[in-house]
Amino acid sequence: MAGDDRAVVKTYVPADQKADWSEHAEELDMSQSEYLRTMVQAGRRGFLDDVEEGGSGDATPGGGGLEDRVLEAVGSEDVVSWDRLVSELSGDFEDRLDDAVQSLVERGEIRHDPREGGYVRREDR
């Protein structure tokens, strides 16, 4: 990311959540900034697209299908950045999530509750 313009992003989370994130970042040998940037991108885009039949079917690095996709994305290039790998492997998870949420809303199984700051299960089903 050398030469890229950068901006500061701040968030406030419970101390125990920060501790969990810090511990996980350390386990992955990542800075907290790199960890949060990566997890936000992963959450936005997902890792579940196009998992090959017989693969692990989950978002866990080290799953058979995911490893094959990483090798394919790296190809014969000398260096591929983490952000580029995330971008290459993520696919349309956000669109699929939106479709699923809209479908659940239309069926009356969940609803958006602005006071809660998100979606909740409908109790009046």
Protein backbone atom coordinates (compact mmCIF):
# COMPACT_ATOMS: atom_id res chain seq x y z
CA MET A 1 0.00 0.00 0.00
CA ALA A 2 3.01 2.24 -0.30
CA GLY A 3 2.08 5.65 -1.67
CA ASP A 4 -1.63 5.17 -0.92
CA ASP A 5 -3.51 7.92 0.86
CA ARG A 6 -4.59 6.72 4.28
CA ALA A 7 -7.22 7.95 6.70
CA VAL A 8 -7.75 7.29 10.39
CA VAL A 9 -10.85 5.38 11.41
CA LYS A 10 -11.82 5.20 15.07
CA THR A 11 -14.33 2.96 16.77
CA TYR A 12 -15.26 2.30 20.35
CA VAL A 13 -15.90 -1.28 21.44
CA PRO A 14 -16.19 -3.02 24.81
CA ALA A 15 -12.80 -3.70 26.39
CA ASP A 16 -13.28 -7.48 26.29
CA GLN A 17 -14.02 -7.34 22.56
CA LYS A 18 -10.85 -5.31 21.95
CA ALA A 19 -8.89 -7.83 23.98
CA ASP A 20 -10.29 -10.69 21.87
CA TRP A 21 -9.41 -8.85 18.65
CA SER A 22 -5.92 -8.03 19.90
CA GLU A 23 -5.30 -11.64 20.90
CA HIS A 24 -6.52 -12.96 17.54
CA ALA A 25 -4.43 -10.38 15.65
CA GLU A 26 -1.36 -11.47 17.61
CA GLU A 27 -2.08 -15.15 16.82
CA LEU A 28 -2.20 -14.22 13.13
CA ASP A 29 0.97 -12.13 13.44
CA MET A 30 -0.92 -9.02 12.28
CA SER A 31 -1.07 -5.49 13.59
CA GLN A 32 -4.42 -4.47 15.05
CA SER A 33 -4.97 -2.10 12.12
CA GLU A 34 -4.23 -4.82 9.57
CA TYR A 35 -6.43 -7.27 11.47
CA LEU A 36 -9.42 -4.91 11.64
CA ARG A 37 -9.06 -3.83 8.00
CA THR A 38 -8.91 -7.48 6.93
CA MET A 39 -11.84 -8.59 9.06
CA VAL A 40 -14.02 -5.71 7.88
CA GLN A 41 -13.22 -6.52 4.25
CA ALA A 42 -13.85 -10.21 4.88
CA GLY A 43 -17.14 -9.44 6.56
CA ARG A 44 -18.21 -7.20 3.73
CA ARG A 45 -17.34 -9.55 0.97
CA GLY A 46 -17.18 -13.01 2.52
CA PHE A 47 -15.06 -16.02 1.66
CA LEU A 48 -17.85 -18.46 0.88
CA ASP A 49 -18.29 -17.98 -2.87
CA ASP A 50 -17.44 -20.74 -5.28
CA VAL A 51 -16.22 -23.23 -2.69
CA GLU A 52 -15.38 -26.32 -4.67
CA GLU A 53 -17.38 -29.47 -4.07
CA GLY A 54 -15.71 -31.47 -1.33
CA GLY A 55 -14.05 -28.35 0.13
CA SER A 56 -14.48 -27.34 3.71
CA GLY A 57 -17.42 -25.07 2.89
CA ASP A 58 -16.47 -22.62 5.61
CA ALA A 59 -14.53 -19.39 5.84
CA THR A 60 -11.68 -20.90 7.80
CA PRO A 61 -8.26 -20.36 6.26
CA GLY A 62 -6.72 -23.75 5.64
CA GLY A 63 -9.91 -25.23 4.24
CA GLY A 64 -9.20 -27.35 1.15
CA GLY A 65 -11.16 -25.24 -1.35
CA LEU A 66 -9.84 -21.98 0.02
CA GLU A 67 -6.21 -23.10 -0.20
CA ASP A 68 -6.71 -23.98 -3.86
CA ARG A 69 -8.27 -20.59 -4.50
CA VAL A 70 -5.35 -18.81 -2.78
CA LEU A 71 -2.86 -20.71 -4.94
CA GLU A 72 -4.83 -19.79 -8.05
CA ALA A 73 -5.01 -16.11 -7.04
CA VAL A 74 -1.28 -15.91 -6.32
CA GLY A 75 -0.51 -17.68 -9.59
CA SER A 76 2.95 -16.97 -10.87
CA GLU A 77 3.23 -13.44 -9.47
CA ASP A 78 6.13 -12.60 -7.21
CA VAL A 79 4.05 -10.87 -4.53
CA VAL A 80 0.30 -10.56 -3.98
CA SER A 81 -0.86 -8.28 -1.13
CA TRP A 82 -3.25 -9.45 1.56
CA ASP A 83 -5.83 -6.87 0.44
CA ARG A 84 -5.66 -8.15 -3.12
CA LEU A 85 -6.11 -11.75 -1.94
CA VAL A 86 -9.18 -10.72 0.06
CA SER A 87 -10.54 -8.89 -2.97
CA GLU A 88 -9.85 -11.79 -5.34
CA LEU A 89 -11.37 -14.44 -3.09
CA SER A 90 -14.36 -12.64 -1.68
CA GLY A 91 -16.93 -12.58 -4.47
CA ASP A 92 -20.50 -11.39 -4.04
CA PHE A 93 -21.16 -12.27 -0.40
CA GLU A 94 -22.60 -8.82 0.35
CA ASP A 95 -25.16 -9.17 -2.47
CA ARG A 96 -26.13 -12.66 -1.31
CA LEU A 97 -26.53 -11.42 2.27
CA ASP A 98 -28.74 -8.56 1.10
CA ASP A 99 -30.92 -11.00 -0.87
CA ALA A 100 -31.24 -13.30 2.17
CA VAL A 101 -32.16 -10.41 4.50
CA GLN A 102 -34.74 -9.07 2.04
CA SER A 103 -36.25 -12.52 1.67
CA LEU A 104 -36.51 -12.96 5.45
CA VAL A 105 -38.08 -9.50 5.80
CA GLU A 106 -40.61 -10.26 3.04
CA ARG A 107 -41.56 -13.55 4.74
CA GLY A 108 -41.97 -11.71 8.04
CA GLU A 109 -39.28 -13.69 9.86
CA ILE A 110 -37.11 -10.67 10.70
CA ARG A 111 -37.61 -6.92 10.77
CA HIS A 112 -35.39 -3.87 10.98
CA ASP A 113 -35.50 -2.19 14.38
CA PRO A 114 -33.79 1.21 14.35
CA ARG A 115 -33.86 1.41 18.17
CA GLU A 116 -31.85 -1.81 18.36
CA GLY A 117 -29.60 -0.70 15.53
CA GLY A 118 -30.22 -3.67 13.25
CA TYR A 119 -32.39 -6.65 12.45
CA VAL A 120 -34.35 -8.69 14.97
CA ARG A 121 -36.47 -11.83 14.74
CA ARG A 122 -40.17 -11.10 14.55
CA GLU A 123 -42.00 -12.23 17.63
CA ASP A 124 -45.44 -12.01 16.03
CA ARG A 125 -44.96 -14.80 13.48
